Amino acid sequence: MVVVHAGNFQDRDGALFVFARAEDIFPILRLIWADGGYAGQLVQLVAGLFSWVLDIVKHSDKPRGLVLLPRRWVVERTFAWLGRYRRLSKDYEFLTESSETMVYIAMIQLLLRRLG
C-alpha cells in the first residue's frame, strides 16, 4: 500500500491514510510492524480505529556496532530496490498520484522479473 503526501506532512499522520486504504483491501490484516518514528498515540489510535496491533521495532538502548533489528531489513531492502528506478531516484512527478503510480509500476516490474 502506497500513499505519497507533501513533505511538510508528518509520516505519522500520513500512516492513517495508508491504514484507511488498507482496511478494505486487506480485511484479515492484524499486525503491522513500524519504525520508532510511529510510536506514541498512533499505536492506540490504530488499535481503536482498526483493531490492529501496531508493533514498534525499537532500537537497542545500548548500541554496540551494527545490530540488525527484527523486520527492519525488509523495509530497507525494499527502499533499496525502489531506489534503482530512475523515476523514483528523485521527485520528478508533479502530482502525488503520479508518484504513487510509479512506486506501483516499479514493484510490479520487480515482481514480474522475479517470477520469470
PDB file of N, CA and C in Angstrom:
ATOM      1  N   MET A   1       0.848  -1.157   0.000  1.00  0.00           N
ATOM      2  CA  MET A   1       0.000   0.000   0.000  1.00  0.00           C
ATOM      3  C   MET A   1       0.898   1.226   0.000  1.00  0.00           C
ATOM      4  N   VAL A   2       0.627   2.146  -0.871  1.00  0.00           N
ATOM      5  CA  VAL A   2       1.456   3.351  -1.008  1.00  0.00           C
ATOM      6  C   VAL A   2       0.580   4.586  -0.911  1.00  0.00           C
ATOM      7  N   VAL A   3       1.020   5.542  -0.121  1.00  0.00           N
ATOM      8  CA  VAL A   3       0.404   6.858  -0.072  1.00  0.00           C
ATOM      9  C   VAL A   3       1.534   7.871  -0.094  1.00  0.00           C
ATOM     10  N   VAL A   4       1.535   8.749  -1.074  1.00  0.00           N
ATOM     11  CA  VAL A   4       2.536   9.812  -1.181  1.00  0.00           C
ATOM     12  C   VAL A   4       1.856  11.111  -0.771  1.00  0.00           C
ATOM     13  N   HIS A   5       2.509  11.869   0.084  1.00  0.00           N
ATOM     14  CA  HIS A   5       1.954  13.145   0.525  1.00  0.00           C
ATOM     15  C   HIS A   5       3.041  14.207   0.492  1.00  0.00           C
ATOM     16  N   ALA A   6       2.661  15.423   0.755  1.00  0.00           N
ATOM     17  CA  ALA A   6       3.602  16.544   0.729  1.00  0.00           C
ATOM     18  C   ALA A   6       4.670  16.372   1.806  1.00  0.00           C
ATOM     19  N   GLY A   7       5.810  16.989   1.579  1.00  0.00           N
ATOM     20  CA  GLY A   7       6.932  16.867   2.503  1.00  0.00           C
ATOM     21  C   GLY A   7       6.698  17.525   3.849  1.00  0.00           C
ATOM     22  N   ASN A   8       5.756  18.458   3.935  1.00  0.00           N
ATOM     23  CA  ASN A   8       5.503  19.134   5.207  1.00  0.00           C
ATOM     24  C   ASN A   8       4.460  18.403   6.049  1.00  0.00           C
ATOM     25  N   PHE A   9       4.112  17.203   5.657  1.00  0.00           N
ATOM     26  CA  PHE A   9       3.120  16.389   6.356  1.00  0.00           C
ATOM     27  C   PHE A   9       3.853  15.282   7.099  1.00  0.00           C
ATOM     28  N   GLN A  10       3.613  15.130   8.387  1.00  0.00           N
ATOM     29  CA  GLN A  10       4.294  14.125   9.194  1.00  0.00           C
ATOM     30  C   GLN A  10       3.954  12.713   8.716  1.00  0.00           C
ATOM     31  N   ASP A  11       4.952  11.843   8.649  1.00  0.00           N
ATOM     32  CA  ASP A  11       4.721  10.447   8.272  1.00  0.00           C
ATOM     33  C   ASP A  11       3.742   9.762   9.224  1.00  0.00           C
ATOM     34  N   ARG A  12       3.822  10.126  10.479  1.00  0.00           N
ATOM     35  CA  ARG A  12       2.935   9.539  11.487  1.00  0.00           C
ATOM     36  C   ARG A  12       1.472   9.841  11.160  1.00  0.00           C
ATOM     37  N   ASP A  13       1.201  11.055  10.676  1.00  0.00           N
ATOM     38  CA  ASP A  13      -0.159  11.429  10.290  1.00  0.00           C
ATOM     39  C   ASP A  13      -0.545  10.776   8.967  1.00  0.00           C
ATOM     40  N   GLY A  14       0.410  10.655   8.070  1.00  0.00           N
ATOM     41  CA  GLY A  14       0.152  10.017   6.777  1.00  0.00           C
ATOM     42  C   GLY A  14      -0.126   8.538   6.905  1.00  0.00           C
ATOM     43  N   ALA A  15       0.355   7.925   7.969  1.00  0.00           N
ATOM     44  CA  ALA A  15       0.124   6.495   8.174  1.00  0.00           C
ATOM     45  C   ALA A  15      -1.364   6.185   8.271  1.00  0.00           C
ATOM     46  N   LEU A  16      -2.130   7.105   8.812  1.00  0.00           N
ATOM     47  CA  LEU A  16      -3.577   6.874   8.914  1.00  0.00           C
ATOM     48  C   LEU A  16      -4.221   6.741   7.533  1.00  0.00           C
ATOM     49  N   PHE A  17      -3.713   7.474   6.547  1.00  0.00           N
ATOM     50  CA  PHE A  17      -4.230   7.347   5.180  1.00  0.00           C
ATOM     51  C   PHE A  17      -3.916   5.966   4.605  1.00  0.00           C
ATOM     52  N   VAL A  18      -2.726   5.463   4.895  1.00  0.00           N
ATOM     53  CA  VAL A  18      -2.350   4.122   4.444  1.00  0.00           C
ATOM     54  C   VAL A  18      -3.265   3.092   5.088  1.00  0.00           C
ATOM     55  N   PHE A  19      -3.484   3.225   6.375  1.00  0.00           N
ATOM     56  CA  PHE A  19      -4.313   2.258   7.085  1.00  0.00           C
ATOM     57  C   PHE A  19      -5.760   2.306   6.603  1.00  0.00           C
ATOM     58  N   ALA A  20      -6.267   3.503   6.319  1.00  0.00           N
ATOM     59  CA  ALA A  20      -7.643   3.626   5.836  1.00  0.00           C
ATOM     60  C   ALA A  20      -7.808   2.925   4.484  1.00  0.00           C
ATOM     61  N   ARG A  21      -6.819   3.057   3.611  1.00  0.00           N
ATOM     62  CA  ARG A  21      -6.876   2.361   2.319  1.00  0.00           C
ATOM     63  C   ARG A  21      -6.733   0.854   2.481  1.00  0.00           C
ATOM     64  N   ALA A  22      -5.866   0.456   3.386  1.00  0.00           N
ATOM     65  CA  ALA A  22      -5.587  -0.969   3.573  1.00  0.00           C
ATOM     66  C   ALA A  22      -6.741  -1.707   4.233  1.00  0.00           C
ATOM     67  N   GLU A  23      -7.563  -1.000   4.968  1.00  0.00           N
ATOM     68  CA  GLU A  23      -8.653  -1.646   5.712  1.00  0.00           C
ATOM     69  C   GLU A  23      -9.591  -2.428   4.797  1.00  0.00           C
ATOM     70  N   ASP A  24      -9.951  -1.867   3.662  1.00  0.00           N
ATOM     71  CA  ASP A  24     -10.866  -2.549   2.740  1.00  0.00           C
ATOM     72  C   ASP A  24     -10.172  -3.616   1.906  1.00  0.00           C
ATOM     73  N   ILE A  25      -8.923  -3.382   1.556  1.00  0.00           N
ATOM     74  CA  ILE A  25      -8.211  -4.302   0.664  1.00  0.00           C
ATOM     75  C   ILE A  25      -7.676  -5.523   1.410  1.00  0.00           C
ATOM     76  N   PHE A  26      -7.251  -5.338   2.654  1.00  0.00           N
ATOM     77  CA  PHE A  26      -6.673  -6.424   3.447  1.00  0.00           C
ATOM     78  C   PHE A  26      -7.500  -6.648   4.719  1.00  0.00           C
ATOM     79  N   PRO A  27      -8.675  -7.268   4.597  1.00  0.00           N
ATOM     80  CA  PRO A  27      -9.551  -7.393   5.767  1.00  0.00           C
ATOM     81  C   PRO A  27      -9.000  -8.301   6.869  1.00  0.00           C
ATOM     82  N   ILE A  28      -8.061  -9.190   6.548  1.00  0.00           N
ATOM     83  CA  ILE A  28      -7.546 -10.100   7.579  1.00  0.00           C
ATOM     84  C   ILE A  28      -6.257  -9.583   8.223  1.00  0.00           C
ATOM     85  N   LEU A  29      -5.855  -8.379   7.900  1.00  0.00           N
ATOM     86  CA  LEU A  29      -4.655  -7.783   8.475  1.00  0.00           C
ATOM     87  C   LEU A  29      -4.832  -7.625   9.987  1.00  0.00           C
ATOM     88  N   ARG A  30      -3.837  -8.048  10.748  1.00  0.00           N
ATOM     89  CA  ARG A  30      -3.922  -7.961  12.202  1.00  0.00           C
ATOM     90  C   ARG A  30      -2.698  -7.314  12.838  1.00  0.00           C
ATOM     91  N   LEU A  31      -1.522  -7.452  12.205  1.00  0.00           N
ATOM     92  CA  LEU A  31      -0.272  -6.978  12.792  1.00  0.00           C
ATOM     93  C   LEU A  31       0.487  -6.130  11.788  1.00  0.00           C
ATOM     94  N   ILE A  32       0.988  -4.989  12.252  1.00  0.00           N
ATOM     95  CA  ILE A  32       1.773  -4.086  11.413  1.00  0.00           C
ATOM     96  C   ILE A  32       3.054  -3.760  12.163  1.00  0.00           C
ATOM     97  N   TRP A  33       4.193  -3.935  11.505  1.00  0.00           N
ATOM     98  CA  TRP A  33       5.470  -3.533  12.081  1.00  0.00           C
ATOM     99  C   TRP A  33       5.776  -2.118  11.631  1.00  0.00           C
ATOM    100  N   ALA A  34       6.259  -1.305  12.544  1.00  0.00           N
ATOM    101  CA  ALA A  34       6.547   0.092  12.213  1.00  0.00           C
ATOM    102  C   ALA A  34       7.841   0.531  12.893  1.00  0.00           C
ATOM    103  N   ASP A  35       8.441   1.562  12.343  1.00  0.00           N
ATOM    104  CA  ASP A  35       9.655   2.168  12.874  1.00  0.00           C
ATOM    105  C   ASP A  35       9.332   2.955  14.142  1.00  0.00           C
ATOM    106  N   GLY A  36      10.346   3.271  14.893  1.00  0.00           N
ATOM    107  CA  GLY A  36      10.169   4.026  16.129  1.00  0.00           C
ATOM    108  C   GLY A  36       9.536   5.391  15.935  1.00  0.00           C
ATOM    109  N   GLY A  37       9.620   5.955  14.746  1.00  0.00           N
ATOM    110  CA  GLY A  37       9.010   7.252  14.462  1.00  0.00           C
ATOM    111  C   GLY A  37       7.495   7.223  14.514  1.00  0.00           C
ATOM    112  N   TYR A  38       6.918   6.040  14.494  1.00  0.00           N
ATOM    113  CA  TYR A  38       5.464   5.896  14.514  1.00  0.00           C
ATOM    114  C   TYR A  38       4.944   5.574  15.917  1.00  0.00           C
ATOM    115  N   ALA A  39       5.811   5.605  16.908  1.00  0.00           N
ATOM    116  CA  ALA A  39       5.397   5.305  18.280  1.00  0.00           C
ATOM    117  C   ALA A  39       4.552   6.450  18.832  1.00  0.00           C
ATOM    118  N   GLY A  40       3.925   6.193  19.951  1.00  0.00           N
ATOM    119  CA  GLY A  40       3.128   7.231  20.596  1.00  0.00           C
ATOM    120  C   GLY A  40       1.645   6.952  20.479  1.00  0.00           C
ATOM    121  N   GLN A  41       0.886   8.008  20.278  1.00  0.00           N
ATOM    122  CA  GLN A  41      -0.566   7.902  20.228  1.00  0.00           C
ATOM    123  C   GLN A  41      -1.069   7.082  19.050  1.00  0.00           C
ATOM    124  N   LEU A  42      -0.268   6.971  17.999  1.00  0.00           N
ATOM    125  CA  LEU A  42      -0.693   6.228  16.811  1.00  0.00           C
ATOM    126  C   LEU A  42      -0.973   4.768  17.137  1.00  0.00           C
ATOM    127  N   VAL A  43      -0.229   4.198  18.064  1.00  0.00           N
ATOM    128  CA  VAL A  43      -0.416   2.789  18.436  1.00  0.00           C
ATOM    129  C   VAL A  43      -1.822   2.575  18.989  1.00  0.00           C
ATOM    130  N   GLN A  44      -2.244   3.436  19.905  1.00  0.00           N
ATOM    131  CA  GLN A  44      -3.584   3.316  20.478  1.00  0.00           C
ATOM    132  C   GLN A  44      -4.661   3.673  19.458  1.00  0.00           C
ATOM    133  N   LEU A  45      -4.380   4.648  18.612  1.00  0.00           N
ATOM    134  CA  LEU A  45      -5.343   5.068  17.594  1.00  0.00           C
ATOM    135  C   LEU A  45      -5.623   3.949  16.597  1.00  0.00           C
ATOM    136  N   VAL A  46      -4.576   3.272  16.152  1.00  0.00           N
ATOM    137  CA  VAL A  46      -4.727   2.153  15.215  1.00  0.00           C
ATOM    138  C   VAL A  46      -5.491   1.011  15.869  1.00  0.00           C
ATOM    139  N   ALA A  47      -5.192   0.743  17.128  1.00  0.00           N
ATOM    140  CA  ALA A  47      -5.904  -0.318  17.844  1.00  0.00           C
ATOM    141  C   ALA A  47      -7.384   0.015  17.981  1.00  0.00           C
ATOM    142  N   GLY A  48      -7.697   1.269  18.246  1.00  0.00           N
ATOM    143  CA  GLY A  48      -9.088   1.678  18.419  1.00  0.00           C
ATOM    144  C   GLY A  48      -9.872   1.754  17.126  1.00  0.00           C
ATOM    145  N   LEU A  49      -9.271   2.320  16.076  1.00  0.00           N
ATOM    146  CA  LEU A  49      -9.978   2.512  14.806  1.00  0.00           C
ATOM    147  C   LEU A  49     -10.062   1.253  13.959  1.00  0.00           C
ATOM    148  N   PHE A  50      -8.968   0.480  13.945  1.00  0.00           N
ATOM    149  CA  PHE A  50      -8.894  -0.636  13.002  1.00  0.00           C
ATOM    150  C   PHE A  50      -8.795  -2.003  13.678  1.00  0.00           C
ATOM    151  N   SER A  51      -8.631  -2.039  14.978  1.00  0.00           N
ATOM    152  CA  SER A  51      -8.443  -3.293  15.732  1.00  0.00           C
ATOM    153  C   SER A  51      -7.200  -4.049  15.271  1.00  0.00           C
ATOM    154  N   TRP A  52      -6.156  -3.315  14.952  1.00  0.00           N
ATOM    155  CA  TRP A  52      -4.887  -3.906  14.541  1.00  0.00           C
ATOM    156  C   TRP A  52      -3.855  -3.662  15.638  1.00  0.00           C
ATOM    157  N   VAL A  53      -2.809  -4.466  15.622  1.00  0.00           N
ATOM    158  CA  VAL A  53      -1.688  -4.274  16.541  1.00  0.00           C
ATOM    159  C   VAL A  53      -0.567  -3.594  15.758  1.00  0.00           C
ATOM    160  N   LEU A  54      -0.165  -2.418  16.200  1.00  0.00           N
ATOM    161  CA  LEU A  54       0.954  -1.699  15.599  1.00  0.00           C
ATOM    162  C   LEU A  54       2.168  -1.968  16.472  1.00  0.00           C
ATOM    163  N   ASP A  55       3.047  -2.852  15.998  1.00  0.00           N
ATOM    164  CA  ASP A  55       4.230  -3.270  16.751  1.00  0.00           C
ATOM    165  C   ASP A  55       5.414  -2.399  16.339  1.00  0.00           C
ATOM    166  N   ILE A  56       5.953  -1.644  17.280  1.00  0.00           N
ATOM    167  CA  ILE A  56       7.063  -0.735  17.017  1.00  0.00           C
ATOM    168  C   ILE A  56       8.374  -1.500  17.174  1.00  0.00           C
ATOM    169  N   VAL A  57       9.190  -1.520  16.110  1.00  0.00           N
ATOM    170  CA  VAL A  57      10.516  -2.148  16.145  1.00  0.00           C
ATOM    171  C   VAL A  57      11.477  -1.102  16.701  1.00  0.00           C
ATOM    172  N   LYS A  58      11.944  -1.338  17.918  1.00  0.00           N
ATOM    173  CA  LYS A  58      12.752  -0.345  18.614  1.00  0.00           C
ATOM    174  C   LYS A  58      14.241  -0.634  18.481  1.00  0.00           C
ATOM    175  N   HIS A  59      15.030   0.433  18.501  1.00  0.00           N
ATOM    176  CA  HIS A  59      16.480   0.318  18.531  1.00  0.00           C
ATOM    177  C   HIS A  59      16.916  -0.066  19.932  1.00  0.00           C
ATOM    178  N   SER A  60      18.047  -0.698  20.042  1.00  0.00           N
ATOM    179  CA  SER A  60      18.590  -1.080  21.334  1.00  0.00           C
ATOM    180  C   SER A  60      19.016   0.162  22.112  1.00  0.00           C
ATOM    181  N   ASP A  61      18.859   0.108  23.422  1.00  0.00           N
ATOM    182  CA  ASP A  61      19.296   1.223  24.266  1.00  0.00           C
ATOM    183  C   ASP A  61      20.815   1.316  24.339  1.00  0.00           C
ATOM    184  N   LYS A  62      21.474   0.165  24.156  1.00  0.00           N
ATOM    185  CA  LYS A  62      22.938   0.112  24.212  1.00  0.00           C
ATOM    186  C   LYS A  62      23.472  -0.322  22.849  1.00  0.00           C
ATOM    187  N   PRO A  63      23.626   0.627  21.925  1.00  0.00           N
ATOM    188  CA  PRO A  63      24.116   0.230  20.598  1.00  0.00           C
ATOM    189  C   PRO A  63      25.563  -0.247  20.662  1.00  0.00           C
ATOM    190  N   ARG A  64      25.806  -1.414  20.060  1.00  0.00           N
ATOM    191  CA  ARG A  64      27.164  -1.967  20.009  1.00  0.00           C
ATOM    192  C   ARG A  64      27.449  -2.357  18.565  1.00  0.00           C
ATOM    193  N   GLY A  65      27.808  -1.378  17.764  1.00  0.00           N
ATOM    194  CA  GLY A  65      28.096  -1.652  16.366  1.00  0.00           C
ATOM    195  C   GLY A  65      26.831  -1.870  15.568  1.00  0.00           C
ATOM    196  N   LEU A  66      26.941  -2.650  14.520  1.00  0.00           N
ATOM    197  CA  LEU A  66      25.806  -2.927  13.649  1.00  0.00           C
ATOM    198  C   LEU A  66      24.915  -3.985  14.287  1.00  0.00           C
ATOM    199  N   VAL A  67      23.681  -3.602  14.561  1.00  0.00           N
ATOM    200  CA  VAL A  67      22.716  -4.521  15.152  1.00  0.00           C
ATOM    201  C   VAL A  67      21.523  -4.601  14.214  1.00  0.00           C
ATOM    202  N   LEU A  68      21.215  -5.791  13.731  1.00  0.00           N
ATOM    203  CA  LEU A  68      20.054  -5.967  12.859  1.00  0.00           C
ATOM    204  C   LEU A  68      18.790  -5.988  13.695  1.00  0.00           C
ATOM    205  N   LEU A  69      17.864  -5.116  13.340  1.00  0.00           N
ATOM    206  CA  LEU A  69      16.598  -5.078  14.047  1.00  0.00           C
ATOM    207  C   LEU A  69      15.619  -6.023  13.366  1.00  0.00           C
ATOM    208  N   PRO A  70      14.770  -6.684  14.136  1.00  0.00           N
ATOM    209  CA  PRO A  70      13.816  -7.607  13.517  1.00  0.00           C
ATOM    210  C   PRO A  70      12.893  -6.873  12.547  1.00  0.00           C
ATOM    211  N   ARG A  71      12.765  -7.402  11.354  1.00  0.00           N
ATOM    212  CA  ARG A  71      11.895  -6.898  10.282  1.00  0.00           C
ATOM    213  C   ARG A  71      12.325  -5.563   9.693  1.00  0.00           C
ATOM    214  N   ARG A  72      13.298  -4.893  10.271  1.00  0.00           N
ATOM    215  CA  ARG A  72      13.743  -3.606   9.743  1.00  0.00           C
ATOM    216  C   ARG A  72      14.394  -3.777   8.370  1.00  0.00           C
ATOM    217  N   TRP A  73      15.106  -4.880   8.164  1.00  0.00           N
ATOM    218  CA  TRP A  73      15.807  -5.120   6.914  1.00  0.00           C
ATOM    219  C   TRP A  73      14.825  -5.228   5.749  1.00  0.00           C
ATOM    220  N   VAL A  74      13.602  -5.660   5.988  1.00  0.00           N
ATOM    221  CA  VAL A  74      12.610  -5.792   4.915  1.00  0.00           C
ATOM    222  C   VAL A  74      12.305  -4.418   4.327  1.00  0.00           C
ATOM    223  N   VAL A  75      12.127  -3.437   5.199  1.00  0.00           N
ATOM    224  CA  VAL A  75      11.836  -2.076   4.742  1.00  0.00           C
ATOM    225  C   VAL A  75      13.032  -1.485   4.011  1.00  0.00           C
ATOM    226  N   GLU A  76      14.211  -1.616   4.591  1.00  0.00           N
ATOM    227  CA  GLU A  76      15.411  -1.048   3.978  1.00  0.00           C
ATOM    228  C   GLU A  76      15.709  -1.701   2.630  1.00  0.00           C
ATOM    229  N   ARG A  77      15.528  -3.015   2.533  1.00  0.00           N
ATOM    230  CA  ARG A  77      15.743  -3.712   1.271  1.00  0.00           C
ATOM    231  C   ARG A  77      14.762  -3.220   0.208  1.00  0.00           C
ATOM    232  N   THR A  78      13.511  -3.022   0.581  1.00  0.00           N
ATOM    233  CA  THR A  78      12.503  -2.551  -0.363  1.00  0.00           C
ATOM    234  C   THR A  78      12.830  -1.143  -0.844  1.00  0.00           C
ATOM    235  N   PHE A  79      13.260  -0.265   0.057  1.00  0.00           N
ATOM    236  CA  PHE A  79      13.668   1.080  -0.350  1.00  0.00           C
ATOM    237  C   PHE A  79      14.853   1.030  -1.311  1.00  0.00           C
ATOM    238  N   ALA A  80      15.783   0.122  -1.074  1.00  0.00           N
ATOM    239  CA  ALA A  80      16.933  -0.026  -1.971  1.00  0.00           C
ATOM    240  C   ALA A  80      16.480  -0.481  -3.356  1.00  0.00           C
ATOM    241  N   TRP A  81      15.546  -1.418  -3.414  1.00  0.00           N
ATOM    242  CA  TRP A  81      15.022  -1.868  -4.710  1.00  0.00           C
ATOM    243  C   TRP A  81      14.344  -0.717  -5.441  1.00  0.00           C
ATOM    244  N   LEU A  82      13.544   0.056  -4.736  1.00  0.00           N
ATOM    245  CA  LEU A  82      12.847   1.177  -5.369  1.00  0.00           C
ATOM    246  C   LEU A  82      13.823   2.261  -5.823  1.00  0.00           C
ATOM    247  N   GLY A  83      14.926   2.425  -5.088  1.00  0.00           N
ATOM    248  CA  GLY A  83      15.915   3.427  -5.449  1.00  0.00           C
ATOM    249  C   GLY A  83      16.630   3.140  -6.756  1.00  0.00           C
ATOM    250  N   ARG A  84      16.564   1.911  -7.241  1.00  0.00           N
ATOM    251  CA  ARG A  84      17.185   1.558  -8.521  1.00  0.00           C
ATOM    252  C   ARG A  84      16.431   2.124  -9.719  1.00  0.00           C
ATOM    253  N   TYR A  85      15.187   2.506  -9.521  1.00  0.00           N
ATOM    254  CA  TYR A  85      14.376   3.011 -10.630  1.00  0.00           C
ATOM    255  C   TYR A  85      14.588   4.507 -10.782  1.00  0.00           C
ATOM    256  N   ARG A  86      14.931   4.892 -12.001  1.00  0.00           N
ATOM    257  CA  ARG A  86      15.301   6.269 -12.276  1.00  0.00           C
ATOM    258  C   ARG A  86      14.204   7.257 -11.907  1.00  0.00           C
ATOM    259  N   ARG A  87      12.962   6.926 -12.218  1.00  0.00           N
ATOM    260  CA  ARG A  87      11.858   7.840 -11.931  1.00  0.00           C
ATOM    261  C   ARG A  87      11.617   7.998 -10.434  1.00  0.00           C
ATOM    262  N   LEU A  88      12.135   7.073  -9.636  1.00  0.00           N
ATOM    263  CA  LEU A  88      11.953   7.168  -8.190  1.00  0.00           C
ATOM    264  C   LEU A  88      13.197   7.685  -7.477  1.00  0.00           C
ATOM    265  N   SER A  89      14.286   7.873  -8.221  1.00  0.00           N
ATOM    266  CA  SER A  89      15.524   8.334  -7.594  1.00  0.00           C
ATOM    267  C   SER A  89      15.426   9.786  -7.140  1.00  0.00           C
ATOM    268  N   LYS A  90      14.596  10.556  -7.825  1.00  0.00           N
ATOM    269  CA  LYS A  90      14.336  11.950  -7.460  1.00  0.00           C
ATOM    270  C   LYS A  90      12.846  12.187  -7.636  1.00  0.00           C
ATOM    271  N   ASP A  91      12.377  13.298  -7.140  1.00  0.00           N
ATOM    272  CA  ASP A  91      10.954  13.603  -7.243  1.00  0.00           C
ATOM    273  C   ASP A  91      10.692  14.336  -8.558  1.00  0.00           C
ATOM    274  N   TYR A  92      10.428  13.564  -9.619  1.00  0.00           N
ATOM    275  CA  TYR A  92      10.169  14.141 -10.928  1.00  0.00           C
ATOM    276  C   TYR A  92       8.687  14.447 -11.146  1.00  0.00           C
ATOM    277  N   GLU A  93       7.828  13.877 -10.353  1.00  0.00           N
ATOM    278  CA  GLU A  93       6.393  13.955 -10.604  1.00  0.00           C
ATOM    279  C   GLU A  93       5.803  15.249 -10.054  1.00  0.00           C
ATOM    280  N   PHE A  94       4.762  15.747 -10.733  1.00  0.00           N
ATOM    281  CA  PHE A  94       4.067  16.950 -10.292  1.00  0.00           C
ATOM    282  C   PHE A  94       2.950  16.596  -9.310  1.00  0.00           C
ATOM    283  N   LEU A  95       2.258  15.491  -9.576  1.00  0.00           N
ATOM    284  CA  LEU A  95       1.146  15.067  -8.738  1.00  0.00           C
ATOM    285  C   LEU A  95       1.557  13.899  -7.827  1.00  0.00           C
ATOM    286  N   THR A  96       1.016  13.883  -6.629  1.00  0.00           N
ATOM    287  CA  THR A  96       1.317  12.776  -5.723  1.00  0.00           C
ATOM    288  C   THR A  96       0.766  11.457  -6.264  1.00  0.00           C
ATOM    289  N   GLU A  97      -0.340  11.524  -6.996  1.00  0.00           N
ATOM    290  CA  GLU A  97      -0.904  10.310  -7.591  1.00  0.00           C
ATOM    291  C   GLU A  97       0.065   9.686  -8.585  1.00  0.00           C
ATOM    292  N   SER A  98       0.790  10.522  -9.322  1.00  0.00           N
ATOM    293  CA  SER A  98       1.782  10.018 -10.276  1.00  0.00           C
ATOM    294  C   SER A  98       2.927   9.336  -9.541  1.00  0.00           C
ATOM    295  N   SER A  99       3.343   9.902  -8.417  1.00  0.00           N
ATOM    296  CA  SER A  99       4.411   9.292  -7.624  1.00  0.00           C
ATOM    297  C   SER A  99       3.975   7.939  -7.084  1.00  0.00           C
ATOM    298  N   GLU A 100       2.747   7.852  -6.599  1.00  0.00           N
ATOM    299  CA  GLU A 100       2.224   6.575  -6.110  1.00  0.00           C
ATOM    300  C   GLU A 100       2.200   5.543  -7.230  1.00  0.00           C
ATOM    301  N   THR A 101       1.753   5.958  -8.402  1.00  0.00           N
ATOM    302  CA  THR A 101       1.676   5.051  -9.549  1.00  0.00           C
ATOM    303  C   THR A 101       3.054   4.543  -9.935  1.00  0.00           C
ATOM    304  N   MET A 102       4.071   5.404  -9.891  1.00  0.00           N
ATOM    305  CA  MET A 102       5.423   4.978 -10.239  1.00  0.00           C
ATOM    306  C   MET A 102       5.951   3.935  -9.250  1.00  0.00           C
ATOM    307  N   VAL A 103       5.592   4.058  -7.981  1.00  0.00           N
ATOM    308  CA  VAL A 103       6.003   3.042  -6.997  1.00  0.00           C
ATOM    309  C   VAL A 103       5.331   1.713  -7.327  1.00  0.00           C
ATOM    310  N   TYR A 104       4.042   1.753  -7.645  1.00  0.00           N
ATOM    311  CA  TYR A 104       3.339   0.517  -8.011  1.00  0.00           C
ATOM    312  C   TYR A 104       3.934  -0.118  -9.267  1.00  0.00           C
ATOM    313  N   ILE A 105       4.254   0.695 -10.258  1.00  0.00           N
ATOM    314  CA  ILE A 105       4.845   0.167 -11.500  1.00  0.00           C
ATOM    315  C   ILE A 105       6.207  -0.471 -11.216  1.00  0.00           C
ATOM    316  N   ALA A 106       7.014   0.180 -10.394  1.00  0.00           N
ATOM    317  CA  ALA A 106       8.335  -0.367 -10.057  1.00  0.00           C
ATOM    318  C   ALA A 106       8.194  -1.701  -9.333  1.00  0.00           C
ATOM    319  N   MET A 107       7.256  -1.801  -8.406  1.00  0.00           N
ATOM    320  CA  MET A 107       7.077  -3.055  -7.668  1.00  0.00           C
ATOM    321  C   MET A 107       6.516  -4.156  -8.563  1.00  0.00           C
ATOM    322  N   ILE A 108       5.614  -3.801  -9.469  1.00  0.00           N
ATOM    323  CA  ILE A 108       5.080  -4.796 -10.414  1.00  0.00           C
ATOM    324  C   ILE A 108       6.210  -5.319 -11.294  1.00  0.00           C
ATOM    325  N   GLN A 109       7.045  -4.421 -11.814  1.00  0.00           N
ATOM    326  CA  GLN A 109       8.166  -4.834 -12.653  1.00  0.00           C
ATOM    327  C   GLN A 109       9.131  -5.731 -11.870  1.00  0.00           C
ATOM    328  N   LEU A 110       9.396  -5.378 -10.628  1.00  0.00           N
ATOM    329  CA  LEU A 110      10.276  -6.181  -9.787  1.00  0.00           C
ATOM    330  C   LEU A 110       9.704  -7.589  -9.574  1.00  0.00           C
ATOM    331  N   LEU A 111       8.429  -7.679  -9.271  1.00  0.00           N
ATOM    332  CA  LEU A 111       7.800  -8.985  -9.051  1.00  0.00           C
ATOM    333  C   LEU A 111       7.758  -9.819 -10.328  1.00  0.00           C
ATOM    334  N   LEU A 112       7.462  -9.180 -11.456  1.00  0.00           N
ATOM    335  CA  LEU A 112       7.421  -9.910 -12.719  1.00  0.00           C
ATOM    336  C   LEU A 112       8.802 -10.450 -13.079  1.00  0.00           C
ATOM    337  N   ARG A 113       9.826  -9.683 -12.815  1.00  0.00           N
ATOM    338  CA  ARG A 113      11.192 -10.127 -13.092  1.00  0.00           C
ATOM    339  C   ARG A 113      11.554 -11.343 -12.233  1.00  0.00           C
ATOM    340  N   ARG A 114      11.085 -11.355 -11.005  1.00  0.00           N
ATOM    341  CA  ARG A 114      11.388 -12.472 -10.117  1.00  0.00           C
ATOM    342  C   ARG A 114      10.582 -13.725 -10.462  1.00  0.00           C
ATOM    343  N   LEU A 115       9.420 -13.547 -11.056  1.00  0.00           N
ATOM    344  CA  LEU A 115       8.613 -14.685 -11.473  1.00  0.00           C
ATOM    345  C   LEU A 115       9.169 -15.356 -12.734  1.00  0.00           C
ATOM    346  N   GLY A 116       9.768 -14.555 -13.597  1.00  0.00           N
ATOM    347  CA  GLY A 116      10.202 -15.057 -14.899  1.00  0.00           C
ATOM    348  C   GLY A 116      11.530 -15.681 -14.932  1.00  0.00           C
TER     349      GLY A 116
END
